[in-house]
Amino acid sequence: LKEHWKTADLDFTELLKPAWRLQSFSASGPTAPMFCCVAQDHALAHVLDRQLVIKAAPALEEKKPVTGKMQIRNVDRSVGGILSFELTRQYGGVGLPDDTIHITFQGSSGQSFGNFL
């Protein structure tokens, strides 16, 4: 980087420091954890997507067409993400034929609605 005129004056020293050497970690002492030490519960067992996967089970298991309606609220975030995971886990990039799963949602969706479909 130092050879190029556009990057010759850039100094990445502070950006490339190991996290344990940063001031915010130094205050915690050398025993501050550097990786996940506490399990988190994201309550994924209760998200709308789980109901969607159950409703889409015939399509996922037997490639049978599935249609339906579901209520959605603005707290239902990233709806379709878990279904997309299940679909690609079983069928890879090939997926299912178009319109195998057709669900109509009624209500107001939360952020990232359908972003992984």
N, C-alpha and C. Protein backbone atom coordinates (compact mmCIF):
# COMPACT_ATOMS: atom_id res chain seq x y z
N LEU A 1 0.82 -1.21 0.00
CA LEU A 1 0.00 0.00 0.00
C LEU A 1 0.85 1.26 0.00
N LYS A 2 2.00 1.20 0.63
CA LYS A 2 2.84 2.39 0.75
C LYS A 2 3.43 2.81 -0.60
N GLU A 3 3.46 1.90 -1.57
CA GLU A 3 4.05 2.22 -2.87
C GLU A 3 3.11 3.07 -3.74
N HIS A 4 1.82 3.01 -3.47
CA HIS A 4 0.85 3.73 -4.32
C HIS A 4 0.61 5.12 -3.74
N TRP A 5 0.54 6.13 -4.60
CA TRP A 5 0.40 7.51 -4.14
C TRP A 5 -0.91 7.77 -3.41
N LYS A 6 -1.98 7.00 -3.74
CA LYS A 6 -3.26 7.21 -3.07
C LYS A 6 -3.28 6.65 -1.65
N THR A 7 -2.46 5.65 -1.40
CA THR A 7 -2.50 4.99 -0.10
C THR A 7 -1.23 5.20 0.73
N ALA A 8 -0.28 5.94 0.20
CA ALA A 8 1.01 6.10 0.88
C ALA A 8 0.87 6.71 2.28
N ASP A 9 -0.10 7.59 2.49
CA ASP A 9 -0.25 8.26 3.78
C ASP A 9 -1.27 7.60 4.71
N LEU A 10 -1.82 6.48 4.31
CA LEU A 10 -2.79 5.81 5.16
C LEU A 10 -2.08 5.00 6.24
N ASP A 11 -2.63 5.09 7.45
CA ASP A 11 -2.06 4.34 8.58
C ASP A 11 -3.17 3.49 9.19
N PHE A 12 -3.07 2.19 9.04
CA PHE A 12 -4.08 1.26 9.53
C PHE A 12 -3.70 0.64 10.88
N THR A 13 -2.69 1.17 11.52
CA THR A 13 -2.19 0.59 12.76
C THR A 13 -3.28 0.42 13.80
N GLU A 14 -4.09 1.44 14.03
CA GLU A 14 -5.14 1.37 15.05
C GLU A 14 -6.26 0.40 14.65
N LEU A 15 -6.53 0.30 13.36
CA LEU A 15 -7.58 -0.61 12.89
C LEU A 15 -7.17 -2.07 12.99
N LEU A 16 -5.90 -2.33 12.87
CA LEU A 16 -5.42 -3.71 12.83
C LEU A 16 -4.90 -4.21 14.18
N LYS A 17 -5.09 -3.43 15.23
CA LYS A 17 -4.68 -3.86 16.56
C LYS A 17 -5.53 -5.03 17.02
N PRO A 18 -4.94 -5.99 17.70
CA PRO A 18 -5.76 -7.07 18.29
C PRO A 18 -6.73 -6.46 19.30
N ALA A 19 -7.92 -6.99 19.39
CA ALA A 19 -8.96 -6.43 20.25
C ALA A 19 -8.51 -6.36 21.70
N TRP A 20 -7.72 -7.32 22.17
CA TRP A 20 -7.31 -7.33 23.56
C TRP A 20 -6.38 -6.17 23.90
N ARG A 21 -5.84 -5.49 22.89
CA ARG A 21 -4.96 -4.35 23.15
C ARG A 21 -5.69 -3.02 23.12
N LEU A 22 -6.97 -3.02 22.76
CA LEU A 22 -7.72 -1.78 22.70
C LEU A 22 -8.00 -1.26 24.10
N GLN A 23 -8.16 0.03 24.22
CA GLN A 23 -8.34 0.66 25.52
C GLN A 23 -9.60 0.16 26.23
N SER A 24 -10.70 -0.02 25.50
CA SER A 24 -11.95 -0.46 26.14
C SER A 24 -11.80 -1.84 26.77
N PHE A 25 -10.98 -2.70 26.18
CA PHE A 25 -10.75 -4.02 26.76
C PHE A 25 -9.73 -3.95 27.89
N SER A 26 -8.79 -3.04 27.78
CA SER A 26 -7.76 -2.92 28.80
C SER A 26 -8.36 -2.58 30.16
N ALA A 27 -9.42 -1.78 30.18
CA ALA A 27 -10.05 -1.39 31.43
C ALA A 27 -10.65 -2.61 32.12
N SER A 28 -11.06 -3.61 31.36
CA SER A 28 -11.64 -4.82 31.93
C SER A 28 -10.58 -5.77 32.44
N GLY A 29 -9.37 -5.50 32.09
CA GLY A 29 -8.29 -6.38 32.51
C GLY A 29 -8.04 -7.47 31.50
N PRO A 30 -7.00 -8.25 31.71
CA PRO A 30 -6.63 -9.28 30.74
C PRO A 30 -7.57 -10.47 30.71
N THR A 31 -8.53 -10.51 31.63
CA THR A 31 -9.46 -11.65 31.65
C THR A 31 -10.75 -11.38 30.89
N ALA A 32 -10.85 -10.25 30.23
CA ALA A 32 -12.06 -9.95 29.46
C ALA A 32 -12.23 -10.99 28.38
N PRO A 33 -13.45 -11.57 28.24
CA PRO A 33 -13.66 -12.62 27.23
C PRO A 33 -13.51 -12.08 25.81
N MET A 34 -12.97 -12.90 24.95
CA MET A 34 -12.76 -12.52 23.54
C MET A 34 -13.67 -13.28 22.60
N PHE A 35 -14.58 -14.10 23.14
CA PHE A 35 -15.50 -14.86 22.32
C PHE A 35 -16.77 -15.09 23.12
N CYS A 36 -17.77 -15.66 22.50
CA CYS A 36 -19.06 -15.88 23.14
C CYS A 36 -18.91 -16.83 24.33
N CYS A 37 -19.29 -16.35 25.51
CA CYS A 37 -19.18 -17.15 26.73
C CYS A 37 -20.54 -17.45 27.33
N VAL A 38 -21.57 -16.75 26.87
CA VAL A 38 -22.90 -16.89 27.43
C VAL A 38 -23.87 -17.21 26.28
N ALA A 39 -24.60 -18.28 26.42
CA ALA A 39 -25.57 -18.64 25.39
C ALA A 39 -26.70 -17.61 25.36
N GLN A 40 -27.19 -17.32 24.17
CA GLN A 40 -28.27 -16.37 24.01
C GLN A 40 -29.52 -17.10 23.53
N ASP A 41 -30.65 -16.64 24.01
CA ASP A 41 -31.93 -17.19 23.56
C ASP A 41 -32.59 -16.16 22.66
N HIS A 42 -32.63 -16.42 21.39
CA HIS A 42 -33.23 -15.50 20.44
C HIS A 42 -34.71 -15.80 20.21
N ALA A 43 -35.25 -16.73 20.97
CA ALA A 43 -36.66 -17.11 20.91
C ALA A 43 -37.09 -17.52 19.50
N LEU A 44 -36.20 -18.17 18.77
CA LEU A 44 -36.52 -18.59 17.40
C LEU A 44 -37.57 -19.70 17.36
N ALA A 45 -37.77 -20.37 18.47
CA ALA A 45 -38.78 -21.43 18.51
C ALA A 45 -40.19 -20.87 18.38
N HIS A 46 -40.35 -19.58 18.61
CA HIS A 46 -41.68 -18.98 18.63
C HIS A 46 -41.94 -17.98 17.51
N VAL A 47 -41.04 -17.90 16.54
CA VAL A 47 -41.22 -16.92 15.47
C VAL A 47 -42.22 -17.44 14.43
N LEU A 48 -42.80 -16.51 13.69
CA LEU A 48 -43.80 -16.85 12.67
C LEU A 48 -43.25 -17.83 11.64
N ASP A 49 -41.97 -17.75 11.37
CA ASP A 49 -41.35 -18.64 10.39
C ASP A 49 -41.52 -20.11 10.75
N ARG A 50 -41.55 -20.44 12.02
CA ARG A 50 -41.73 -21.85 12.42
C ARG A 50 -43.10 -22.35 11.97
N GLN A 51 -44.13 -21.49 12.11
CA GLN A 51 -45.47 -21.86 11.63
C GLN A 51 -45.47 -21.99 10.11
N LEU A 52 -44.71 -21.13 9.47
CA LEU A 52 -44.60 -21.17 8.01
C LEU A 52 -43.95 -22.48 7.55
N VAL A 53 -42.92 -22.92 8.23
CA VAL A 53 -42.25 -24.18 7.89
C VAL A 53 -43.20 -25.36 8.08
N ILE A 54 -43.99 -25.33 9.16
CA ILE A 54 -44.96 -26.41 9.40
C ILE A 54 -46.00 -26.43 8.29
N LYS A 55 -46.49 -25.24 7.92
CA LYS A 55 -47.50 -25.16 6.86
C LYS A 55 -46.93 -25.62 5.51
N ALA A 56 -45.65 -25.39 5.31
CA ALA A 56 -45.01 -25.74 4.03
C ALA A 56 -44.43 -27.15 4.03
N ALA A 57 -44.64 -27.91 5.11
CA ALA A 57 -44.05 -29.26 5.23
C ALA A 57 -44.35 -30.17 4.03
N PRO A 58 -45.59 -30.21 3.51
CA PRO A 58 -45.84 -31.08 2.35
C PRO A 58 -44.96 -30.72 1.14
N ALA A 59 -44.69 -29.44 0.97
CA ALA A 59 -43.83 -29.02 -0.14
C ALA A 59 -42.38 -29.40 0.14
N LEU A 60 -41.95 -29.20 1.37
CA LEU A 60 -40.56 -29.51 1.72
C LEU A 60 -40.29 -31.02 1.70
N GLU A 61 -41.25 -31.80 2.14
CA GLU A 61 -41.04 -33.24 2.27
C GLU A 61 -41.39 -34.02 1.01
N GLU A 62 -42.43 -33.57 0.29
CA GLU A 62 -42.92 -34.36 -0.85
C GLU A 62 -43.05 -33.55 -2.14
N LYS A 63 -42.63 -32.31 -2.13
CA LYS A 63 -42.73 -31.40 -3.28
C LYS A 63 -44.18 -31.17 -3.72
N LYS A 64 -45.11 -31.30 -2.79
CA LYS A 64 -46.52 -31.05 -3.09
C LYS A 64 -46.81 -29.56 -2.95
N PRO A 65 -47.64 -29.00 -3.84
CA PRO A 65 -47.99 -27.58 -3.75
C PRO A 65 -48.72 -27.26 -2.43
N VAL A 66 -48.39 -26.12 -1.88
CA VAL A 66 -48.99 -25.66 -0.63
C VAL A 66 -49.47 -24.23 -0.82
N THR A 67 -50.70 -23.97 -0.40
CA THR A 67 -51.22 -22.60 -0.41
C THR A 67 -51.81 -22.31 0.96
N GLY A 68 -51.94 -21.06 1.28
CA GLY A 68 -52.54 -20.72 2.56
C GLY A 68 -52.48 -19.23 2.84
N LYS A 69 -53.08 -18.86 3.96
CA LYS A 69 -53.07 -17.47 4.43
C LYS A 69 -52.57 -17.46 5.86
N MET A 70 -51.82 -16.42 6.18
CA MET A 70 -51.30 -16.28 7.54
C MET A 70 -51.38 -14.82 7.96
N GLN A 71 -51.64 -14.60 9.22
CA GLN A 71 -51.60 -13.25 9.79
C GLN A 71 -50.14 -12.89 10.07
N ILE A 72 -49.81 -11.63 9.87
CA ILE A 72 -48.45 -11.16 10.15
C ILE A 72 -48.54 -9.82 10.88
N ARG A 73 -47.59 -9.60 11.78
CA ARG A 73 -47.53 -8.33 12.52
C ARG A 73 -46.16 -7.70 12.32
N ASN A 74 -46.06 -6.43 12.67
CA ASN A 74 -44.80 -5.74 12.42
C ASN A 74 -43.65 -6.22 13.31
N VAL A 75 -43.92 -7.07 14.29
CA VAL A 75 -42.85 -7.65 15.10
C VAL A 75 -42.31 -8.94 14.48
N ASP A 76 -42.95 -9.41 13.42
CA ASP A 76 -42.49 -10.61 12.71
C ASP A 76 -41.41 -10.19 11.73
N ARG A 77 -40.17 -10.45 12.11
CA ARG A 77 -39.04 -9.98 11.31
C ARG A 77 -38.43 -11.11 10.49
N SER A 78 -37.91 -10.75 9.34
CA SER A 78 -37.23 -11.69 8.44
C SER A 78 -38.07 -12.93 8.13
N VAL A 79 -39.36 -12.73 7.99
CA VAL A 79 -40.26 -13.85 7.69
C VAL A 79 -39.86 -14.46 6.35
N GLY A 80 -39.70 -15.75 6.35
CA GLY A 80 -39.28 -16.47 5.15
C GLY A 80 -37.84 -16.94 5.24
N GLY A 81 -37.07 -16.39 6.15
CA GLY A 81 -35.66 -16.75 6.27
C GLY A 81 -35.44 -18.19 6.68
N ILE A 82 -36.18 -18.66 7.69
CA ILE A 82 -36.01 -20.04 8.15
C ILE A 82 -36.56 -21.01 7.10
N LEU A 83 -37.67 -20.64 6.47
CA LEU A 83 -38.21 -21.47 5.40
C LEU A 83 -37.20 -21.58 4.26
N SER A 84 -36.56 -20.48 3.90
CA SER A 84 -35.55 -20.50 2.84
C SER A 84 -34.38 -21.40 3.22
N PHE A 85 -33.98 -21.33 4.49
CA PHE A 85 -32.90 -22.21 4.96
C PHE A 85 -33.29 -23.68 4.80
N GLU A 86 -34.49 -24.02 5.25
CA GLU A 86 -34.95 -25.41 5.16
C GLU A 86 -35.02 -25.87 3.71
N LEU A 87 -35.51 -25.00 2.86
CA LEU A 87 -35.64 -25.33 1.44
C LEU A 87 -34.27 -25.58 0.80
N THR A 88 -33.32 -24.68 1.04
CA THR A 88 -32.00 -24.85 0.43
C THR A 88 -31.21 -25.98 1.09
N ARG A 89 -31.49 -26.24 2.35
CA ARG A 89 -30.82 -27.36 3.01
C ARG A 89 -31.22 -28.68 2.34
N GLN A 90 -32.48 -28.79 1.93
CA GLN A 90 -32.96 -30.03 1.32
C GLN A 90 -32.75 -30.09 -0.18
N TYR A 91 -32.89 -28.95 -0.86
CA TYR A 91 -32.87 -28.97 -2.33
C TYR A 91 -31.75 -28.15 -2.95
N GLY A 92 -30.93 -27.53 -2.13
CA GLY A 92 -29.82 -26.75 -2.66
C GLY A 92 -30.30 -25.59 -3.52
N GLY A 93 -29.45 -25.16 -4.42
CA GLY A 93 -29.77 -24.03 -5.28
C GLY A 93 -30.87 -24.30 -6.29
N VAL A 94 -31.16 -25.58 -6.54
CA VAL A 94 -32.22 -25.95 -7.49
C VAL A 94 -33.58 -25.55 -6.95
N GLY A 95 -33.78 -25.75 -5.64
CA GLY A 95 -35.04 -25.37 -5.00
C GLY A 95 -36.21 -26.20 -5.46
N LEU A 96 -37.38 -25.61 -5.34
CA LEU A 96 -38.63 -26.23 -5.77
C LEU A 96 -39.15 -25.52 -7.01
N PRO A 97 -40.05 -26.15 -7.76
CA PRO A 97 -40.65 -25.47 -8.91
C PRO A 97 -41.40 -24.20 -8.46
N ASP A 98 -41.50 -23.24 -9.36
CA ASP A 98 -42.24 -22.00 -9.07
C ASP A 98 -43.63 -22.31 -8.56
N ASP A 99 -44.09 -21.52 -7.62
CA ASP A 99 -45.44 -21.59 -7.04
C ASP A 99 -45.71 -22.89 -6.28
N THR A 100 -44.69 -23.61 -5.86
CA THR A 100 -44.91 -24.79 -5.02
C THR A 100 -45.41 -24.35 -3.65
N ILE A 101 -44.86 -23.26 -3.15
CA ILE A 101 -45.31 -22.69 -1.88
C ILE A 101 -45.87 -21.30 -2.17
N HIS A 102 -47.14 -21.12 -1.88
CA HIS A 102 -47.79 -19.83 -2.14
C HIS A 102 -48.59 -19.45 -0.88
N ILE A 103 -48.05 -18.54 -0.10
CA ILE A 103 -48.69 -18.10 1.13
C ILE A 103 -49.03 -16.62 1.01
N THR A 104 -50.25 -16.27 1.34
CA THR A 104 -50.68 -14.87 1.37
C THR A 104 -50.66 -14.40 2.82
N PHE A 105 -49.98 -13.30 3.06
CA PHE A 105 -49.91 -12.74 4.41
C PHE A 105 -50.85 -11.57 4.52
N GLN A 106 -51.51 -11.47 5.67
CA GLN A 106 -52.43 -10.37 5.94
C GLN A 106 -51.95 -9.65 7.19
N GLY A 107 -51.77 -8.34 7.08
CA GLY A 107 -51.31 -7.54 8.20
C GLY A 107 -50.14 -6.68 7.79
N SER A 108 -49.35 -6.26 8.76
CA SER A 108 -48.19 -5.41 8.52
C SER A 108 -46.94 -6.20 8.86
N SER A 109 -46.03 -6.28 7.91
CA SER A 109 -44.82 -7.07 8.15
C SER A 109 -43.76 -6.25 8.83
N GLY A 110 -42.81 -6.95 9.47
CA GLY A 110 -41.67 -6.28 10.11
C GLY A 110 -40.54 -6.15 9.12
N GLN A 111 -39.38 -5.75 9.63
CA GLN A 111 -38.24 -5.51 8.75
C GLN A 111 -37.79 -6.78 8.05
N SER A 112 -37.27 -6.63 6.88
CA SER A 112 -36.70 -7.71 6.08
C SER A 112 -37.70 -8.78 5.70
N PHE A 113 -38.93 -8.42 5.51
CA PHE A 113 -39.96 -9.39 5.10
C PHE A 113 -39.59 -10.02 3.77
N GLY A 114 -39.45 -11.33 3.75
CA GLY A 114 -39.18 -12.06 2.51
C GLY A 114 -37.81 -11.82 1.93
N ASN A 115 -36.88 -11.29 2.68
CA ASN A 115 -35.59 -10.92 2.08
C ASN A 115 -34.73 -12.11 1.67
N PHE A 116 -35.01 -13.31 2.16
CA PHE A 116 -34.21 -14.46 1.79
C PHE A 116 -34.94 -15.43 0.87
N LEU A 117 -36.08 -15.04 0.37
CA LEU A 117 -36.85 -15.95 -0.49
C LEU A 117 -36.30 -15.97 -1.89
